[in-house]
């Protein structure tokens, strides 16, 4: 854990405001490899700035299945099935420092990853 900054500095105000708070990050993506890479990038950034990270916790996948007719006219029994799998991960950042918040805001993640952040 990083020691607190001097009491009279501006960084001290942000440090003491963030004490006792958690940041919960939910990540969603269709491709699990991109999702895992983004998750690892967030974990490395948070640990580098002195925050404690809980996770990543894999959440259940959402599978949407679509059934469509193959032909435009006849053959009702001839069908194709498609599915979309949405992979999810959950991260908790415990007692983040102001440097952690700044680093997470500047972090550039891969395209195709949906990020939800709750403080």
Protein backbone atom coordinates (compact mmCIF):
# COMPACT_ATOMS: atom_id res chain seq x y z
CA UNK A 1 0.00 0.00 0.00
CA UNK A 2 1.28 3.47 -0.85
CA UNK A 3 1.72 5.74 2.19
CA UNK A 4 -0.64 8.74 2.33
CA UNK A 5 0.61 12.04 0.88
CA UNK A 6 1.33 15.09 3.07
CA UNK A 7 -1.81 16.49 4.72
CA UNK A 8 -1.64 19.96 3.11
CA UNK A 9 -1.39 18.80 -0.53
CA UNK A 10 -4.19 18.53 -3.11
CA UNK A 11 -3.40 14.85 -3.56
CA UNK A 12 -4.21 14.30 0.12
CA UNK A 13 -7.79 15.46 -0.41
CA UNK A 14 -8.30 12.90 -3.16
CA UNK A 15 -6.54 10.19 -1.16
CA UNK A 16 -8.72 10.55 1.91
CA UNK A 17 -11.91 10.83 -0.19
CA UNK A 18 -11.15 7.50 -1.89
CA UNK A 19 -10.36 5.61 1.36
CA UNK A 20 -12.92 2.91 2.08
CA UNK A 21 -14.42 2.97 -1.41
CA UNK A 22 -14.42 0.20 -3.99
CA UNK A 23 -14.51 0.37 -7.77
CA UNK A 24 -16.48 -2.44 -9.41
CA UNK A 25 -15.73 -3.04 -13.10
CA UNK A 26 -17.88 -5.32 -15.29
CA UNK A 27 -16.48 -6.29 -18.68
CA UNK A 28 -18.46 -7.87 -21.54
CA UNK A 29 -17.27 -9.11 -24.92
CA UNK A 30 -18.09 -11.67 -27.59
CA UNK A 31 -14.46 -12.85 -27.87
CA UNK A 32 -13.05 -14.23 -24.61
CA UNK A 33 -9.42 -13.73 -25.68
CA UNK A 34 -9.88 -9.97 -26.12
CA UNK A 35 -11.82 -9.87 -22.85
CA UNK A 36 -9.08 -11.67 -20.90
CA UNK A 37 -6.39 -9.40 -22.38
CA UNK A 38 -8.33 -6.28 -21.38
CA UNK A 39 -8.97 -7.68 -17.91
CA UNK A 40 -5.27 -8.41 -17.43
CA UNK A 41 -4.40 -4.89 -18.58
CA UNK A 42 -6.75 -3.37 -15.98
CA UNK A 43 -5.37 -5.64 -13.22
CA UNK A 44 -1.76 -4.74 -14.08
CA UNK A 45 -2.57 -1.01 -14.13
CA UNK A 46 -4.34 -1.15 -10.77
CA UNK A 47 -1.57 -3.16 -9.09
CA UNK A 48 1.12 -0.88 -10.54
CA UNK A 49 -0.56 2.17 -8.94
CA UNK A 50 -0.86 0.54 -5.52
CA UNK A 51 -4.48 -0.66 -5.37
CA UNK A 52 -5.65 -4.08 -4.21
CA UNK A 53 -7.52 -6.07 -6.89
CA UNK A 54 -10.09 -8.81 -6.31
CA UNK A 55 -10.76 -10.93 -9.35
CA UNK A 56 -11.15 -11.33 -12.26
CA UNK A 57 -14.29 -13.31 -11.51
CA UNK A 58 -15.78 -15.07 -14.55
CA UNK A 59 -19.55 -14.59 -14.67
CA UNK A 60 -21.95 -16.93 -16.52
CA UNK A 61 -21.98 -16.61 -20.30
CA UNK A 62 -25.14 -15.43 -22.01
CA UNK A 63 -25.97 -17.56 -25.06
CA UNK A 64 -28.51 -16.23 -27.54
CA UNK A 65 -29.64 -18.72 -30.20
CA UNK A 66 -31.34 -17.78 -33.46
CA UNK A 67 -33.06 -20.25 -35.80
CA UNK A 68 -33.72 -19.17 -39.41
CA UNK A 69 -35.12 -20.88 -42.49
CA UNK A 70 -32.47 -21.86 -45.04
CA UNK A 71 -34.60 -21.30 -48.10
CA UNK A 72 -36.85 -18.36 -48.92
CA UNK A 73 -39.81 -20.42 -50.16
CA UNK A 74 -40.25 -24.10 -49.22
CA UNK A 75 -38.60 -26.70 -46.95
CA UNK A 76 -39.81 -25.65 -43.52
CA UNK A 77 -37.77 -28.47 -41.94
CA UNK A 78 -34.49 -27.14 -43.35
CA UNK A 79 -33.14 -24.57 -40.89
CA UNK A 80 -29.88 -23.01 -39.72
CA UNK A 81 -29.04 -22.18 -36.12
CA UNK A 82 -26.72 -19.37 -35.03
CA UNK A 83 -25.63 -18.32 -31.58
CA UNK A 84 -23.97 -15.33 -29.94
CA UNK A 85 -22.02 -15.93 -26.74
CA UNK A 86 -21.45 -12.95 -24.44
CA UNK A 87 -18.57 -13.51 -22.01
CA UNK A 88 -18.43 -11.48 -18.77
CA UNK A 89 -15.84 -10.73 -16.10
CA UNK A 90 -16.05 -8.85 -12.79
CA UNK A 91 -13.24 -6.94 -11.07
CA UNK A 92 -13.23 -5.21 -7.68
CA UNK A 93 -10.56 -2.60 -6.95
CA UNK A 94 -10.34 -2.13 -3.19
CA UNK A 95 -9.14 1.20 -1.72
CA UNK A 96 -8.07 2.82 -5.01
CA UNK A 97 -5.59 5.69 -4.91
CA UNK A 98 -6.07 8.86 -7.01
CA UNK A 99 -3.25 7.57 -9.24
CA UNK A 100 -5.27 4.39 -9.82
CA UNK A 101 -8.33 6.36 -10.91
CA UNK A 102 -6.25 8.55 -13.25
CA UNK A 103 -4.52 5.52 -14.78
CA UNK A 104 -7.83 3.71 -15.32
CA UNK A 105 -9.36 6.78 -16.98
CA UNK A 106 -6.41 7.03 -19.39
CA UNK A 107 -6.39 3.30 -20.15
CA UNK A 108 -7.15 2.43 -23.77
CA UNK A 109 -8.85 -0.98 -24.05
CA UNK A 110 -9.42 -3.13 -27.13
CA UNK A 111 -12.40 -2.54 -29.38
CA UNK A 112 -15.30 -4.89 -28.72
CA UNK A 113 -15.06 -4.76 -24.91
CA UNK A 114 -17.94 -3.12 -23.04
CA UNK A 115 -16.89 -1.62 -19.70
CA UNK A 116 -19.23 -0.65 -16.84
CA UNK A 117 -17.69 1.09 -13.84
CA UNK A 118 -19.45 1.63 -10.50
CA UNK A 119 -17.90 3.46 -7.55
